[in-house]
Amino acid sequence: MNRHDNPNHCIACTVQQCAHHCQGENYCALDSILVGTHEANPTEDQCTDCKSFLKK
């Protein structure tokens, strides 16, 4: 079974450019993800990043 045939329904994701994205469904195939920030003092959702992102 391809890893991307098993979406994790606890992790919704719409980033189709990520290698972990389940094509055809807006979910991630990973068991867990790491969320981080690129700001010293994040105050908005745009300040956060999925550190598990892997470009296709």
PDB file of N, CA and C in Angstrom:
ATOM      1  N   MET A   1       0.846  -1.179   0.000  1.00  0.00           N
ATOM      2  CA  MET A   1       0.000   0.000   0.000  1.00  0.00           C
ATOM      3  C   MET A   1       0.890   1.242   0.000  1.00  0.00           C
ATOM      4  N   ASN A   2       0.562   2.172  -0.851  1.00  0.00           N
ATOM      5  CA  ASN A   2       1.270   3.439  -0.894  1.00  0.00           C
ATOM      6  C   ASN A   2       0.929   4.234   0.352  1.00  0.00           C
ATOM      7  N   ARG A   3       1.905   4.834   0.940  1.00  0.00           N
ATOM      8  CA  ARG A   3       1.722   5.621   2.153  1.00  0.00           C
ATOM      9  C   ARG A   3       0.652   6.707   1.959  1.00  0.00           C
ATOM     10  N   HIS A   4       0.533   7.251   0.752  1.00  0.00           N
ATOM     11  CA  HIS A   4      -0.412   8.324   0.482  1.00  0.00           C
ATOM     12  C   HIS A   4      -1.830   7.816   0.225  1.00  0.00           C
ATOM     13  N   ASP A   5      -2.007   6.522   0.283  1.00  0.00           N
ATOM     14  CA  ASP A   5      -3.342   5.937   0.182  1.00  0.00           C
ATOM     15  C   ASP A   5      -3.984   5.821   1.560  1.00  0.00           C
ATOM     16  N   ASN A   6      -3.265   6.263   2.594  1.00  0.00           N
ATOM     17  CA  ASN A   6      -3.744   6.130   3.970  1.00  0.00           C
ATOM     18  C   ASN A   6      -3.756   7.503   4.645  1.00  0.00           C
ATOM     19  N   PRO A   7      -4.743   8.348   4.334  1.00  0.00           N
ATOM     20  CA  PRO A   7      -4.782   9.685   4.921  1.00  0.00           C
ATOM     21  C   PRO A   7      -5.027   9.647   6.427  1.00  0.00           C
ATOM     22  N   ASN A   8      -4.380  10.550   7.134  1.00  0.00           N
ATOM     23  CA  ASN A   8      -4.612  10.716   8.564  1.00  0.00           C
ATOM     24  C   ASN A   8      -5.737  11.737   8.702  1.00  0.00           C
ATOM     25  N   HIS A   9      -6.920  11.281   9.049  1.00  0.00           N
ATOM     26  CA  HIS A   9      -8.079  12.162   9.121  1.00  0.00           C
ATOM     27  C   HIS A   9      -8.026  13.126  10.301  1.00  0.00           C
ATOM     28  N   CYS A  10      -6.992  13.044  11.107  1.00  0.00           N
ATOM     29  CA  CYS A  10      -6.786  14.002  12.194  1.00  0.00           C
ATOM     30  C   CYS A  10      -5.943  15.191  11.743  1.00  0.00           C
ATOM     31  N   ILE A  11      -5.325  15.097  10.538  1.00  0.00           N
ATOM     32  CA  ILE A  11      -4.487  16.176  10.033  1.00  0.00           C
ATOM     33  C   ILE A  11      -5.005  16.614   8.669  1.00  0.00           C
ATOM     34  N   ALA A  12      -5.857  17.610   8.666  1.00  0.00           N
ATOM     35  CA  ALA A  12      -6.357  18.177   7.412  1.00  0.00           C
ATOM     36  C   ALA A  12      -5.252  19.017   6.784  1.00  0.00           C
ATOM     37  N   CYS A  13      -5.126  18.952   5.462  1.00  0.00           N
ATOM     38  CA  CYS A  13      -4.085  19.696   4.757  1.00  0.00           C
ATOM     39  C   CYS A  13      -4.518  19.948   3.322  1.00  0.00           C
ATOM     40  N   THR A  14      -4.287  21.164   2.843  1.00  0.00           N
ATOM     41  CA  THR A  14      -4.631  21.520   1.470  1.00  0.00           C
ATOM     42  C   THR A  14      -3.405  21.842   0.628  1.00  0.00           C
ATOM     43  N   VAL A  15      -2.205  21.581   1.141  1.00  0.00           N
ATOM     44  CA  VAL A  15      -0.966  21.917   0.438  1.00  0.00           C
ATOM     45  C   VAL A  15      -0.598  20.770  -0.506  1.00  0.00           C
ATOM     46  N   GLN A  16      -1.083  20.847  -1.726  1.00  0.00           N
ATOM     47  CA  GLN A  16      -0.879  19.776  -2.699  1.00  0.00           C
ATOM     48  C   GLN A  16       0.559  19.671  -3.177  1.00  0.00           C
ATOM     49  N   GLN A  17       1.376  20.685  -2.908  1.00  0.00           N
ATOM     50  CA  GLN A  17       2.779  20.651  -3.309  1.00  0.00           C
ATOM     51  C   GLN A  17       3.650  19.859  -2.329  1.00  0.00           C
ATOM     52  N   CYS A  18       3.068  19.433  -1.227  1.00  0.00           N
ATOM     53  CA  CYS A  18       3.808  18.662  -0.225  1.00  0.00           C
ATOM     54  C   CYS A  18       3.815  17.180  -0.588  1.00  0.00           C
ATOM     55  N   ALA A  19       4.941  16.541  -0.387  1.00  0.00           N
ATOM     56  CA  ALA A  19       5.079  15.118  -0.687  1.00  0.00           C
ATOM     57  C   ALA A  19       4.219  14.245   0.225  1.00  0.00           C
ATOM     58  N   HIS A  20       3.806  14.768   1.370  1.00  0.00           N
ATOM     59  CA  HIS A  20       2.996  13.996   2.322  1.00  0.00           C
ATOM     60  C   HIS A  20       1.491  14.158   2.095  1.00  0.00           C
ATOM     61  N   HIS A  21       1.096  15.021   1.154  1.00  0.00           N
ATOM     62  CA  HIS A  21      -0.321  15.287   0.894  1.00  0.00           C
ATOM     63  C   HIS A  21      -0.961  14.075   0.213  1.00  0.00           C
ATOM     64  N   CYS A  22      -2.153  13.692   0.660  1.00  0.00           N
ATOM     65  CA  CYS A  22      -2.903  12.599   0.035  1.00  0.00           C
ATOM     66  C   CYS A  22      -3.675  13.168  -1.146  1.00  0.00           C
ATOM     67  N   GLN A  23      -3.207  12.899  -2.315  1.00  0.00           N
ATOM     68  CA  GLN A  23      -3.858  13.421  -3.508  1.00  0.00           C
ATOM     69  C   GLN A  23      -5.300  12.919  -3.576  1.00  0.00           C
ATOM     70  N   GLY A  24      -6.211  13.813  -3.914  1.00  0.00           N
ATOM     71  CA  GLY A  24      -7.624  13.457  -3.985  1.00  0.00           C
ATOM     72  C   GLY A  24      -8.351  13.681  -2.678  1.00  0.00           C
ATOM     73  N   GLU A  25      -7.612  13.836  -1.589  1.00  0.00           N
ATOM     74  CA  GLU A  25      -8.207  14.113  -0.284  1.00  0.00           C
ATOM     75  C   GLU A  25      -7.361  15.175   0.390  1.00  0.00           C
ATOM     76  N   ASN A  26      -7.978  16.069   1.106  1.00  0.00           N
ATOM     77  CA  ASN A  26      -7.240  17.139   1.769  1.00  0.00           C
ATOM     78  C   ASN A  26      -6.789  16.728   3.163  1.00  0.00           C
ATOM     79  N   TYR A  27      -5.912  15.708   3.183  1.00  0.00           N
ATOM     80  CA  TYR A  27      -5.332  15.209   4.424  1.00  0.00           C
ATOM     81  C   TYR A  27      -3.862  14.913   4.234  1.00  0.00           C
ATOM     82  N   CYS A  28      -3.157  14.859   5.357  1.00  0.00           N
ATOM     83  CA  CYS A  28      -1.741  14.503   5.386  1.00  0.00           C
ATOM     84  C   CYS A  28      -1.620  12.995   5.615  1.00  0.00           C
ATOM     85  N   ALA A  29      -0.572  12.403   5.065  1.00  0.00           N
ATOM     86  CA  ALA A  29      -0.342  10.968   5.240  1.00  0.00           C
ATOM     87  C   ALA A  29       0.530  10.655   6.464  1.00  0.00           C
ATOM     88  N   LEU A  30       1.105  11.668   7.088  1.00  0.00           N
ATOM     89  CA  LEU A  30       1.974  11.436   8.240  1.00  0.00           C
ATOM     90  C   LEU A  30       1.168  11.071   9.483  1.00  0.00           C
ATOM     91  N   ASP A  31       1.797  10.388  10.418  1.00  0.00           N
ATOM     92  CA  ASP A  31       1.165  10.072  11.700  1.00  0.00           C
ATOM     93  C   ASP A  31       1.068  11.310  12.584  1.00  0.00           C
ATOM     94  N   SER A  32       2.050  12.195  12.450  1.00  0.00           N
ATOM     95  CA  SER A  32       2.056  13.447  13.201  1.00  0.00           C
ATOM     96  C   SER A  32       2.862  14.468  12.418  1.00  0.00           C
ATOM     97  N   ILE A  33       2.660  15.738  12.727  1.00  0.00           N
ATOM     98  CA  ILE A  33       3.414  16.809  12.079  1.00  0.00           C
ATOM     99  C   ILE A  33       4.029  17.701  13.155  1.00  0.00           C
ATOM    100  N   LEU A  34       4.998  18.509  12.738  1.00  0.00           N
ATOM    101  CA  LEU A  34       5.615  19.490  13.625  1.00  0.00           C
ATOM    102  C   LEU A  34       5.222  20.877  13.133  1.00  0.00           C
ATOM    103  N   VAL A  35       4.592  21.655  13.992  1.00  0.00           N
ATOM    104  CA  VAL A  35       4.235  23.029  13.665  1.00  0.00           C
ATOM    105  C   VAL A  35       5.210  23.942  14.385  1.00  0.00           C
ATOM    106  N   GLY A  36       5.754  24.894  13.640  1.00  0.00           N
ATOM    107  CA  GLY A  36       6.714  25.831  14.213  1.00  0.00           C
ATOM    108  C   GLY A  36       6.421  27.235  13.740  1.00  0.00           C
ATOM    109  N   THR A  37       7.386  28.131  13.949  1.00  0.00           N
ATOM    110  CA  THR A  37       7.222  29.520  13.548  1.00  0.00           C
ATOM    111  C   THR A  37       8.526  30.056  12.978  1.00  0.00           C
ATOM    112  N   HIS A  38       8.398  31.088  12.164  1.00  0.00           N
ATOM    113  CA  HIS A  38       9.575  31.774  11.630  1.00  0.00           C
ATOM    114  C   HIS A  38       9.688  33.175  12.229  1.00  0.00           C
ATOM    115  N   GLU A  39       8.893  33.451  13.246  1.00  0.00           N
ATOM    116  CA  GLU A  39       8.875  34.756  13.906  1.00  0.00           C
ATOM    117  C   GLU A  39       9.340  34.619  15.354  1.00  0.00           C
ATOM    118  N   ALA A  40       9.952  35.677  15.865  1.00  0.00           N
ATOM    119  CA  ALA A  40      10.381  35.685  17.269  1.00  0.00           C
ATOM    120  C   ALA A  40       9.180  35.768  18.215  1.00  0.00           C
ATOM    121  N   ASN A  41       8.120  36.452  17.774  1.00  0.00           N
ATOM    122  CA  ASN A  41       6.930  36.632  18.596  1.00  0.00           C
ATOM    123  C   ASN A  41       5.701  36.472  17.705  1.00  0.00           C
ATOM    124  N   PRO A  42       5.300  35.235  17.382  1.00  0.00           N
ATOM    125  CA  PRO A  42       4.174  35.042  16.473  1.00  0.00           C
ATOM    126  C   PRO A  42       2.871  35.585  17.056  1.00  0.00           C
ATOM    127  N   THR A  43       2.136  36.333  16.212  1.00  0.00           N
ATOM    128  CA  THR A  43       0.873  36.917  16.657  1.00  0.00           C
ATOM    129  C   THR A  43      -0.283  36.616  15.709  1.00  0.00           C
ATOM    130  N   GLU A  44       0.006  36.017  14.544  1.00  0.00           N
ATOM    131  CA  GLU A  44      -1.024  35.695  13.563  1.00  0.00           C
ATOM    132  C   GLU A  44      -0.774  34.300  13.000  1.00  0.00           C
ATOM    133  N   ASP A  45      -1.813  33.695  12.444  1.00  0.00           N
ATOM    134  CA  ASP A  45      -1.658  32.350  11.900  1.00  0.00           C
ATOM    135  C   ASP A  45      -0.628  32.302  10.766  1.00  0.00           C
ATOM    136  N   GLN A  46      -0.435  33.411  10.063  1.00  0.00           N
ATOM    137  CA  GLN A  46       0.550  33.447   8.978  1.00  0.00           C
ATOM    138  C   GLN A  46       1.982  33.330   9.500  1.00  0.00           C
ATOM    139  N   CYS A  47       2.166  33.477  10.791  1.00  0.00           N
ATOM    140  CA  CYS A  47       3.501  33.383  11.399  1.00  0.00           C
ATOM    141  C   CYS A  47       3.895  31.935  11.688  1.00  0.00           C
ATOM    142  N   THR A  48       2.980  30.996  11.505  1.00  0.00           N
ATOM    143  CA  THR A  48       3.270  29.592  11.804  1.00  0.00           C
ATOM    144  C   THR A  48       3.531  28.812  10.525  1.00  0.00           C
ATOM    145  N   ASP A  49       4.268  27.722  10.660  1.00  0.00           N
ATOM    146  CA  ASP A  49       4.661  26.897   9.522  1.00  0.00           C
ATOM    147  C   ASP A  49       4.540  25.419   9.867  1.00  0.00           C
ATOM    148  N   CYS A  50       4.237  24.612   8.850  1.00  0.00           N
ATOM    149  CA  CYS A  50       4.316  23.160   9.012  1.00  0.00           C
ATOM    150  C   CYS A  50       5.763  22.766   8.748  1.00  0.00           C
ATOM    151  N   LYS A  51       6.475  22.410   9.790  1.00  0.00           N
ATOM    152  CA  LYS A  51       7.886  22.051   9.669  1.00  0.00           C
ATOM    153  C   LYS A  51       8.062  20.648   9.086  1.00  0.00           C
ATOM    154  N   SER A  52       6.955  19.927   8.874  1.00  0.00           N
ATOM    155  CA  SER A  52       7.010  18.600   8.260  1.00  0.00           C
ATOM    156  C   SER A  52       6.884  18.665   6.740  1.00  0.00           C
ATOM    157  N   PHE A  53       6.689  19.870   6.190  1.00  0.00           N
ATOM    158  CA  PHE A  53       6.539  20.053   4.755  1.00  0.00           C
ATOM    159  C   PHE A  53       7.748  19.507   4.004  1.00  0.00           C
ATOM    160  N   LEU A  54       7.473  18.766   2.943  1.00  0.00           N
ATOM    161  CA  LEU A  54       8.521  18.241   2.068  1.00  0.00           C
ATOM    162  C   LEU A  54       8.056  18.462   0.634  1.00  0.00           C
ATOM    163  N   LYS A  55       8.801  19.277  -0.099  1.00  0.00           N
ATOM    164  CA  LYS A  55       8.435  19.585  -1.481  1.00  0.00           C
ATOM    165  C   LYS A  55       8.445  18.321  -2.323  1.00  0.00           C
ATOM    166  N   LYS A  56       7.398  18.187  -3.148  1.00  0.00           N
ATOM    167  CA  LYS A  56       7.323  17.035  -4.063  1.00  0.00           C
ATOM    168  C   LYS A  56       8.463  17.058  -5.024  1.00  0.00           C
TER     169      LYS A  56
END
